[in-house]
N, C-alpha and C. Protein backbone atom coordinates (compact mmCIF):
# COMPACT_ATOMS: atom_id res chain seq x y z
N MET A 1 -16.70 -28.01 25.71
CA MET A 1 -17.94 -28.17 24.98
C MET A 1 -18.46 -26.82 24.50
N ALA A 2 -18.24 -25.78 25.33
CA ALA A 2 -18.72 -24.45 24.96
C ALA A 2 -18.00 -23.92 23.73
N ALA A 3 -16.72 -24.29 23.56
CA ALA A 3 -15.97 -23.83 22.39
C ALA A 3 -16.54 -24.45 21.12
N TYR A 4 -16.93 -25.73 21.18
CA TYR A 4 -17.53 -26.37 20.01
C TYR A 4 -18.89 -25.77 19.69
N LEU A 5 -19.63 -25.45 20.74
CA LEU A 5 -20.96 -24.85 20.53
C LEU A 5 -20.85 -23.48 19.89
N SER A 6 -19.90 -22.66 20.35
CA SER A 6 -19.74 -21.33 19.75
C SER A 6 -19.20 -21.42 18.33
N ALA A 7 -18.31 -22.39 18.06
CA ALA A 7 -17.80 -22.57 16.70
C ALA A 7 -18.93 -23.04 15.77
N ALA A 8 -19.78 -23.94 16.26
CA ALA A 8 -20.91 -24.40 15.46
C ALA A 8 -21.89 -23.26 15.21
N LEU A 9 -22.10 -22.40 16.21
CA LEU A 9 -22.99 -21.25 16.04
C LEU A 9 -22.43 -20.28 15.00
N MET A 10 -21.13 -20.00 15.06
CA MET A 10 -20.52 -19.11 14.07
C MET A 10 -20.58 -19.70 12.67
N LEU A 11 -20.35 -20.99 12.54
CA LEU A 11 -20.44 -21.65 11.25
C LEU A 11 -21.87 -21.60 10.72
N GLY A 12 -22.83 -21.84 11.60
CA GLY A 12 -24.24 -21.76 11.20
C GLY A 12 -24.63 -20.37 10.76
N LEU A 13 -24.15 -19.35 11.46
CA LEU A 13 -24.44 -17.97 11.07
C LEU A 13 -23.81 -17.64 9.73
N ALA A 14 -22.59 -18.10 9.49
CA ALA A 14 -21.93 -17.83 8.22
C ALA A 14 -22.65 -18.51 7.07
N VAL A 15 -23.01 -19.77 7.24
CA VAL A 15 -23.71 -20.49 6.18
C VAL A 15 -25.10 -19.90 5.97
N GLY A 16 -25.79 -19.55 7.06
CA GLY A 16 -27.11 -18.94 6.94
C GLY A 16 -27.04 -17.58 6.25
N GLY A 17 -26.03 -16.79 6.58
CA GLY A 17 -25.88 -15.49 5.92
C GLY A 17 -25.61 -15.64 4.44
N ALA A 18 -24.76 -16.61 4.09
CA ALA A 18 -24.49 -16.85 2.67
C ALA A 18 -25.74 -17.32 1.95
N LEU A 19 -26.53 -18.16 2.59
CA LEU A 19 -27.78 -18.64 1.99
C LEU A 19 -28.77 -17.51 1.79
N VAL A 20 -28.90 -16.64 2.79
CA VAL A 20 -29.80 -15.49 2.66
C VAL A 20 -29.33 -14.56 1.55
N ALA A 21 -28.02 -14.32 1.46
CA ALA A 21 -27.50 -13.46 0.41
C ALA A 21 -27.76 -14.07 -0.97
N HIS A 22 -27.62 -15.38 -1.08
CA HIS A 22 -27.89 -16.05 -2.36
C HIS A 22 -29.37 -15.94 -2.72
N LEU A 23 -30.25 -16.14 -1.76
CA LEU A 23 -31.69 -16.04 -2.04
C LEU A 23 -32.10 -14.62 -2.41
N VAL A 24 -31.52 -13.63 -1.73
CA VAL A 24 -31.83 -12.23 -2.07
C VAL A 24 -31.33 -11.92 -3.48
N HIS A 25 -30.16 -12.43 -3.83
CA HIS A 25 -29.63 -12.21 -5.17
C HIS A 25 -30.54 -12.84 -6.22
N ARG A 26 -31.02 -14.06 -5.96
CA ARG A 26 -31.88 -14.73 -6.93
C ARG A 26 -33.19 -13.97 -7.14
N ARG A 27 -33.68 -13.30 -6.08
CA ARG A 27 -34.94 -12.57 -6.20
C ARG A 27 -34.77 -11.20 -6.85
N THR A 28 -33.60 -10.60 -6.72
CA THR A 28 -33.42 -9.23 -7.19
C THR A 28 -32.47 -9.10 -8.37
N ALA A 29 -32.04 -10.21 -8.96
CA ALA A 29 -31.09 -10.15 -10.07
C ALA A 29 -31.72 -9.48 -11.28
N ILE A 30 -30.92 -8.72 -11.99
CA ILE A 30 -31.39 -8.02 -13.18
C ILE A 30 -31.18 -8.93 -14.38
N ALA A 31 -32.24 -9.15 -15.12
CA ALA A 31 -32.13 -9.98 -16.32
C ALA A 31 -31.39 -9.22 -17.41
N PRO A 32 -30.65 -9.91 -18.28
CA PRO A 32 -29.96 -9.22 -19.37
C PRO A 32 -30.95 -8.49 -20.26
N GLY A 33 -30.66 -7.26 -20.56
CA GLY A 33 -31.52 -6.47 -21.43
C GLY A 33 -32.72 -5.86 -20.71
N ALA A 34 -32.78 -5.98 -19.39
CA ALA A 34 -33.93 -5.46 -18.67
C ALA A 34 -33.89 -3.93 -18.56
N VAL A 35 -32.69 -3.37 -18.57
CA VAL A 35 -32.55 -1.93 -18.45
C VAL A 35 -32.40 -1.34 -19.85
N PRO A 36 -33.37 -0.56 -20.31
CA PRO A 36 -33.24 0.01 -21.65
C PRO A 36 -32.19 1.12 -21.66
N THR A 37 -31.51 1.25 -22.77
CA THR A 37 -30.51 2.31 -22.89
C THR A 37 -31.14 3.48 -23.65
N LEU A 38 -31.94 4.21 -22.95
CA LEU A 38 -32.59 5.38 -23.53
C LEU A 38 -31.77 6.62 -23.20
N PRO A 39 -31.94 7.69 -23.99
CA PRO A 39 -31.20 8.91 -23.69
C PRO A 39 -31.56 9.47 -22.32
N PHE A 40 -30.55 9.92 -21.63
CA PHE A 40 -30.77 10.57 -20.34
C PHE A 40 -30.56 12.06 -20.55
N GLN A 41 -30.45 12.85 -19.61
CA GLN A 41 -30.54 14.30 -19.64
C GLN A 41 -29.91 14.99 -20.86
N SER A 42 -28.83 14.46 -21.39
CA SER A 42 -28.18 15.15 -22.50
C SER A 42 -28.94 14.98 -23.82
N GLY A 43 -29.74 13.95 -23.95
CA GLY A 43 -30.47 13.70 -25.18
C GLY A 43 -29.70 12.84 -26.15
N TRP A 44 -28.44 12.50 -25.86
CA TRP A 44 -27.66 11.63 -26.72
C TRP A 44 -27.84 10.19 -26.29
N ARG A 45 -27.74 9.30 -27.24
CA ARG A 45 -27.81 7.88 -26.91
C ARG A 45 -26.50 7.47 -26.23
N PRO A 46 -26.58 6.70 -25.17
CA PRO A 46 -25.34 6.28 -24.49
C PRO A 46 -24.49 5.37 -25.37
N ALA A 47 -23.20 5.47 -25.19
CA ALA A 47 -22.27 4.67 -25.99
C ALA A 47 -22.20 3.22 -25.52
N GLU A 48 -22.49 2.97 -24.24
CA GLU A 48 -22.45 1.62 -23.71
C GLU A 48 -23.58 1.43 -22.72
N HIS A 49 -23.78 0.23 -22.28
CA HIS A 49 -24.87 -0.10 -21.37
C HIS A 49 -24.62 0.53 -20.01
N ALA A 50 -25.67 0.85 -19.30
CA ALA A 50 -25.55 1.50 -18.00
C ALA A 50 -24.87 0.60 -16.97
N LEU A 51 -24.98 -0.71 -17.14
CA LEU A 51 -24.38 -1.64 -16.18
C LEU A 51 -23.09 -2.25 -16.70
N SER A 52 -22.38 -1.55 -17.60
CA SER A 52 -21.14 -2.09 -18.15
C SER A 52 -20.06 -2.12 -17.08
N ARG A 53 -19.06 -2.93 -17.31
CA ARG A 53 -17.98 -3.09 -16.35
C ARG A 53 -16.88 -2.07 -16.59
N PHE A 54 -16.05 -1.89 -15.57
CA PHE A 54 -14.90 -1.03 -15.70
C PHE A 54 -13.82 -1.74 -16.50
N GLU A 55 -12.91 -0.99 -17.04
CA GLU A 55 -11.80 -1.59 -17.76
C GLU A 55 -10.90 -2.36 -16.78
N ALA A 56 -10.30 -3.42 -17.25
CA ALA A 56 -9.49 -4.28 -16.38
C ALA A 56 -8.24 -3.57 -15.87
N ARG A 57 -7.78 -2.53 -16.55
CA ARG A 57 -6.54 -1.88 -16.12
C ARG A 57 -6.73 -1.07 -14.84
N TYR A 58 -7.98 -0.82 -14.43
CA TYR A 58 -8.21 -0.08 -13.20
C TYR A 58 -8.06 -0.97 -11.96
N TYR A 59 -8.24 -2.28 -12.09
CA TYR A 59 -8.22 -3.16 -10.94
C TYR A 59 -6.86 -3.23 -10.24
N PRO A 60 -5.74 -3.41 -10.93
CA PRO A 60 -4.46 -3.42 -10.19
C PRO A 60 -4.17 -2.10 -9.49
N LEU A 61 -4.54 -1.00 -10.11
CA LEU A 61 -4.32 0.28 -9.47
C LEU A 61 -5.20 0.42 -8.23
N THR A 62 -6.42 -0.09 -8.29
CA THR A 62 -7.31 -0.05 -7.14
C THR A 62 -6.75 -0.91 -6.01
N LEU A 63 -6.24 -2.08 -6.33
CA LEU A 63 -5.65 -2.92 -5.29
C LEU A 63 -4.43 -2.27 -4.66
N LEU A 64 -3.65 -1.57 -5.45
CA LEU A 64 -2.50 -0.85 -4.92
C LEU A 64 -2.95 0.27 -3.97
N PHE A 65 -4.00 0.99 -4.36
CA PHE A 65 -4.53 2.04 -3.49
C PHE A 65 -5.04 1.44 -2.19
N LEU A 66 -5.76 0.32 -2.27
CA LEU A 66 -6.29 -0.30 -1.06
C LEU A 66 -5.18 -0.77 -0.14
N ALA A 67 -4.09 -1.26 -0.70
CA ALA A 67 -2.96 -1.69 0.13
C ALA A 67 -2.41 -0.51 0.92
N PHE A 68 -2.28 0.63 0.29
CA PHE A 68 -1.75 1.79 1.02
C PHE A 68 -2.80 2.41 1.93
N ASP A 69 -4.06 2.23 1.61
CA ASP A 69 -5.11 2.70 2.49
C ASP A 69 -5.12 1.88 3.77
N VAL A 70 -4.97 0.58 3.66
CA VAL A 70 -4.90 -0.29 4.83
C VAL A 70 -3.63 -0.01 5.62
N GLU A 71 -2.58 0.32 4.93
CA GLU A 71 -1.33 0.66 5.61
C GLU A 71 -1.53 1.88 6.51
N MET A 72 -2.32 2.83 6.07
CA MET A 72 -2.59 4.00 6.92
C MET A 72 -3.41 3.61 8.14
N LEU A 73 -4.27 2.60 8.02
CA LEU A 73 -5.00 2.12 9.18
C LEU A 73 -4.07 1.55 10.24
N PHE A 74 -2.94 0.99 9.81
CA PHE A 74 -1.96 0.49 10.76
C PHE A 74 -1.09 1.60 11.32
N MET A 75 -0.89 2.67 10.55
CA MET A 75 0.01 3.73 11.00
C MET A 75 -0.61 4.64 12.06
N TYR A 76 -1.91 4.85 12.02
CA TYR A 76 -2.53 5.74 13.01
C TYR A 76 -2.39 5.22 14.44
N PRO A 77 -2.76 3.97 14.72
CA PRO A 77 -2.54 3.50 16.09
C PRO A 77 -1.06 3.35 16.42
N TRP A 78 -0.25 3.04 15.42
CA TRP A 78 1.18 2.92 15.66
C TRP A 78 1.75 4.25 16.14
N ALA A 79 1.28 5.34 15.58
CA ALA A 79 1.79 6.66 15.95
C ALA A 79 1.47 7.00 17.40
N THR A 80 0.39 6.44 17.93
CA THR A 80 0.04 6.75 19.32
C THR A 80 0.85 5.94 20.33
N VAL A 81 1.35 4.77 19.94
CA VAL A 81 2.06 3.93 20.90
C VAL A 81 3.56 3.83 20.64
N VAL A 82 4.06 4.46 19.60
CA VAL A 82 5.47 4.31 19.26
C VAL A 82 6.38 4.85 20.37
N ALA A 83 5.94 5.89 21.06
CA ALA A 83 6.78 6.46 22.12
C ALA A 83 6.86 5.52 23.32
N THR A 84 5.80 4.79 23.60
CA THR A 84 5.82 3.90 24.76
C THR A 84 6.47 2.55 24.45
N VAL A 85 6.31 2.06 23.22
CA VAL A 85 6.85 0.74 22.87
C VAL A 85 8.34 0.83 22.59
N GLY A 86 8.75 1.85 21.83
CA GLY A 86 10.17 2.05 21.59
C GLY A 86 10.64 1.57 20.23
N THR A 87 11.86 1.07 20.20
CA THR A 87 12.53 0.73 18.95
C THR A 87 11.86 -0.41 18.21
N SER A 88 11.30 -1.36 18.93
CA SER A 88 10.67 -2.50 18.25
C SER A 88 9.48 -2.06 17.40
N ALA A 89 8.75 -1.05 17.83
CA ALA A 89 7.63 -0.54 17.04
C ALA A 89 8.13 0.11 15.75
N ILE A 90 9.24 0.80 15.82
CA ILE A 90 9.81 1.43 14.62
C ILE A 90 10.29 0.37 13.65
N VAL A 91 10.94 -0.67 14.16
CA VAL A 91 11.43 -1.75 13.30
C VAL A 91 10.25 -2.45 12.63
N GLU A 92 9.18 -2.73 13.38
CA GLU A 92 8.01 -3.39 12.81
C GLU A 92 7.37 -2.55 11.72
N MET A 93 7.30 -1.24 11.91
CA MET A 93 6.68 -0.39 10.90
C MET A 93 7.53 -0.35 9.64
N PHE A 94 8.85 -0.32 9.79
CA PHE A 94 9.70 -0.33 8.61
C PHE A 94 9.64 -1.67 7.88
N VAL A 95 9.43 -2.76 8.61
CA VAL A 95 9.24 -4.06 7.95
C VAL A 95 7.95 -4.03 7.14
N LEU A 96 6.86 -3.49 7.71
CA LEU A 96 5.60 -3.37 6.97
C LEU A 96 5.77 -2.49 5.74
N LEU A 97 6.44 -1.37 5.89
CA LEU A 97 6.66 -0.49 4.74
C LEU A 97 7.54 -1.15 3.69
N GLY A 98 8.51 -1.97 4.13
CA GLY A 98 9.35 -2.70 3.19
C GLY A 98 8.56 -3.72 2.40
N VAL A 99 7.64 -4.42 3.06
CA VAL A 99 6.79 -5.38 2.35
C VAL A 99 5.92 -4.66 1.34
N LEU A 100 5.35 -3.54 1.73
CA LEU A 100 4.53 -2.77 0.79
C LEU A 100 5.36 -2.23 -0.37
N MET A 101 6.58 -1.80 -0.11
CA MET A 101 7.43 -1.30 -1.18
C MET A 101 7.81 -2.42 -2.13
N ALA A 102 8.03 -3.62 -1.59
CA ALA A 102 8.30 -4.77 -2.45
C ALA A 102 7.10 -5.05 -3.35
N GLY A 103 5.90 -4.90 -2.82
CA GLY A 103 4.70 -5.07 -3.63
C GLY A 103 4.59 -4.03 -4.72
N VAL A 104 4.93 -2.79 -4.40
CA VAL A 104 4.88 -1.72 -5.41
C VAL A 104 5.92 -1.99 -6.51
N LEU A 105 7.12 -2.39 -6.11
CA LEU A 105 8.15 -2.67 -7.11
C LEU A 105 7.76 -3.86 -7.99
N TRP A 106 7.12 -4.87 -7.41
CA TRP A 106 6.66 -6.01 -8.20
C TRP A 106 5.57 -5.58 -9.17
N ALA A 107 4.61 -4.74 -8.70
CA ALA A 107 3.55 -4.26 -9.58
C ALA A 107 4.13 -3.40 -10.69
N TRP A 108 5.14 -2.61 -10.37
CA TRP A 108 5.78 -1.76 -11.39
C TRP A 108 6.47 -2.63 -12.44
N ARG A 109 7.18 -3.67 -11.96
CA ARG A 109 7.88 -4.56 -12.88
C ARG A 109 6.91 -5.33 -13.77
N GLU A 110 5.76 -5.70 -13.23
CA GLU A 110 4.76 -6.44 -13.99
C GLU A 110 3.98 -5.55 -14.95
N GLY A 111 4.13 -4.23 -14.82
CA GLY A 111 3.46 -3.30 -15.73
C GLY A 111 2.07 -2.88 -15.27
N ALA A 112 1.76 -3.08 -13.99
CA ALA A 112 0.43 -2.73 -13.49
C ALA A 112 0.23 -1.21 -13.45
N LEU A 113 1.30 -0.44 -13.44
CA LEU A 113 1.18 1.01 -13.36
C LEU A 113 1.30 1.67 -14.74
N ARG A 114 1.42 0.87 -15.79
CA ARG A 114 1.52 1.39 -17.14
C ARG A 114 0.11 1.58 -17.71
N TRP A 115 -0.15 2.68 -18.39
CA TRP A 115 -1.48 2.97 -18.93
C TRP A 115 -1.54 2.83 -20.44
N THR A 116 -0.54 2.24 -21.06
CA THR A 116 -0.57 2.10 -22.51
C THR A 116 -1.05 0.74 -22.93
């Protein structure tokens, strides 16, 4: 019974947090055109809106960076226990690196690393 109670509590917290985030967003959302595009320190008029989005070609590169950043999070603790665990730790790390390399090769083949 305690497992169901804790699962219900976690579900309630998740739904409540999402509801609070939605309500905060509704209260603080910026209306279109609310931010004027006036000249800032340089005195020139800006070429685009201050809240414009990034170009879509940056997103695959960002995801690739995050994949390798997370990989480093796995390598730091691995480096501390590799001597005690032995060969299986080395094999597991090479499997992880192989999966990441397969992802890089797939992204390269798909043209995610091309800037033209």
